[in-house]
Amino acid sequence: MAKIVILGAGDGGRLLSQLLKEQKDTEIIGFIDDNKGIQGKDINGYKVVGTSGDLKRFRKTGFVVA
């Protein structure tokens, strides 16, 4: 199963999370977004898990840019 982090929690990222949710071979870890006001918040059932400065924590994870 592919683990994915979505870069960007705006409208594009939200739409992308809905589409990826339907993929049975994909596990969405959460969103990366530089907006400090949404850190740790739940968006479409997935948490905002960090900012672009945290990308190194997810180096073994796939990324999708929204």
C-alpha atoms as a PDB file:
ATOM      1  CA  MET A   1       0.000   0.000   0.000  1.00  0.00           C
ATOM      2  CA  ALA A   2       1.379   3.397  -1.018  1.00  0.00           C
ATOM      3  CA  LYS A   3       1.579   6.010   1.731  1.00  0.00           C
ATOM      4  CA  ILE A   4       0.898   9.561   0.497  1.00  0.00           C
ATOM      5  CA  VAL A   5       1.250  13.038   1.978  1.00  0.00           C
ATOM      6  CA  ILE A   6      -0.668  15.794   0.183  1.00  0.00           C
ATOM      7  CA  LEU A   7       1.234  19.061  -0.160  1.00  0.00           C
ATOM      8  CA  GLY A   8      -1.345  21.804   0.174  1.00  0.00           C
ATOM      9  CA  ALA A   9      -4.560  21.739   2.195  1.00  0.00           C
ATOM     10  CA  GLY A  10      -6.481  24.263   0.111  1.00  0.00           C
ATOM     11  CA  ASP A  11      -9.273  23.525  -2.338  1.00  0.00           C
ATOM     12  CA  GLY A  12      -7.027  21.453  -4.624  1.00  0.00           C
ATOM     13  CA  GLY A  13      -5.680  19.347  -1.765  1.00  0.00           C
ATOM     14  CA  ARG A  14      -9.153  18.769  -0.389  1.00  0.00           C
ATOM     15  CA  LEU A  15     -10.417  17.607  -3.763  1.00  0.00           C
ATOM     16  CA  LEU A  16      -7.369  15.402  -4.220  1.00  0.00           C
ATOM     17  CA  SER A  17      -7.921  13.779  -0.819  1.00  0.00           C
ATOM     18  CA  GLN A  18     -11.454  12.858  -1.876  1.00  0.00           C
ATOM     19  CA  LEU A  19     -10.165  11.272  -5.078  1.00  0.00           C
ATOM     20  CA  LEU A  20      -7.312   9.405  -3.365  1.00  0.00           C
ATOM     21  CA  LYS A  21      -9.657   8.127  -0.651  1.00  0.00           C
ATOM     22  CA  GLU A  22     -11.315   5.997  -3.325  1.00  0.00           C
ATOM     23  CA  GLN A  23      -8.002   4.316  -4.210  1.00  0.00           C
ATOM     24  CA  LYS A  24      -7.814   1.117  -2.185  1.00  0.00           C
ATOM     25  CA  ASP A  25      -4.034   0.845  -2.595  1.00  0.00           C
ATOM     26  CA  THR A  26      -3.322   4.305  -1.140  1.00  0.00           C
ATOM     27  CA  GLU A  27      -3.066   5.403   2.482  1.00  0.00           C
ATOM     28  CA  ILE A  28      -3.230   9.163   3.027  1.00  0.00           C
ATOM     29  CA  ILE A  29      -1.006  10.170   5.946  1.00  0.00           C
ATOM     30  CA  GLY A  30      -2.259  13.765   5.976  1.00  0.00           C
ATOM     31  CA  PHE A  31      -1.610  17.234   4.611  1.00  0.00           C
ATOM     32  CA  ILE A  32       1.467  19.440   4.621  1.00  0.00           C
ATOM     33  CA  ASP A  33       0.633  23.145   4.563  1.00  0.00           C
ATOM     34  CA  ASP A  34       2.532  26.279   5.609  1.00  0.00           C
ATOM     35  CA  ASN A  35      -0.589  27.935   7.041  1.00  0.00           C
ATOM     36  CA  LYS A  36       0.181  27.939  10.788  1.00  0.00           C
ATOM     37  CA  GLY A  37      -3.523  28.447  11.601  1.00  0.00           C
ATOM     38  CA  ILE A  38      -4.519  24.988  10.373  1.00  0.00           C
ATOM     39  CA  GLN A  39      -1.703  22.897  11.846  1.00  0.00           C
ATOM     40  CA  GLY A  40      -3.124  19.821  13.594  1.00  0.00           C
ATOM     41  CA  LYS A  41      -6.624  20.469  12.232  1.00  0.00           C
ATOM     42  CA  ASP A  42      -8.709  17.796  10.555  1.00  0.00           C
ATOM     43  CA  ILE A  43      -9.536  18.321   6.863  1.00  0.00           C
ATOM     44  CA  ASN A  44     -11.705  15.756   5.066  1.00  0.00           C
ATOM     45  CA  GLY A  45     -10.805  13.224   7.732  1.00  0.00           C
ATOM     46  CA  TYR A  46      -7.028  13.786   7.553  1.00  0.00           C
ATOM     47  CA  LYS A  47      -4.831  15.898   9.808  1.00  0.00           C
ATOM     48  CA  VAL A  48      -2.530  18.705   8.750  1.00  0.00           C
ATOM     49  CA  VAL A  49       0.673  17.019   9.935  1.00  0.00           C
ATOM     50  CA  GLY A  50       3.214  19.755   9.340  1.00  0.00           C
ATOM     51  CA  THR A  51       4.688  22.490   7.193  1.00  0.00           C
ATOM     52  CA  SER A  52       7.144  22.369   4.311  1.00  0.00           C
ATOM     53  CA  GLY A  53       9.893  22.498   6.933  1.00  0.00           C
ATOM     54  CA  ASP A  54       8.761  19.056   8.120  1.00  0.00           C
ATOM     55  CA  LEU A  55       9.109  17.295   4.758  1.00  0.00           C
ATOM     56  CA  LYS A  56      12.230  15.399   5.880  1.00  0.00           C
ATOM     57  CA  ARG A  57      10.079  13.480   8.381  1.00  0.00           C
ATOM     58  CA  PHE A  58       8.187  11.999   5.453  1.00  0.00           C
ATOM     59  CA  ARG A  59      11.093  11.089   3.187  1.00  0.00           C
ATOM     60  CA  LYS A  60       9.911   7.462   2.934  1.00  0.00           C
ATOM     61  CA  THR A  61       6.435   8.611   1.922  1.00  0.00           C
ATOM     62  CA  GLY A  62       5.114   9.565  -1.500  1.00  0.00           C
ATOM     63  CA  PHE A  63       4.074  13.155  -2.109  1.00  0.00           C
ATOM     64  CA  VAL A  64       1.278  14.613  -4.195  1.00  0.00           C
ATOM     65  CA  VAL A  65       1.359  18.363  -4.872  1.00  0.00           C
ATOM     66  CA  ALA A  66      -2.046  20.059  -4.899  1.00  0.00           C
END
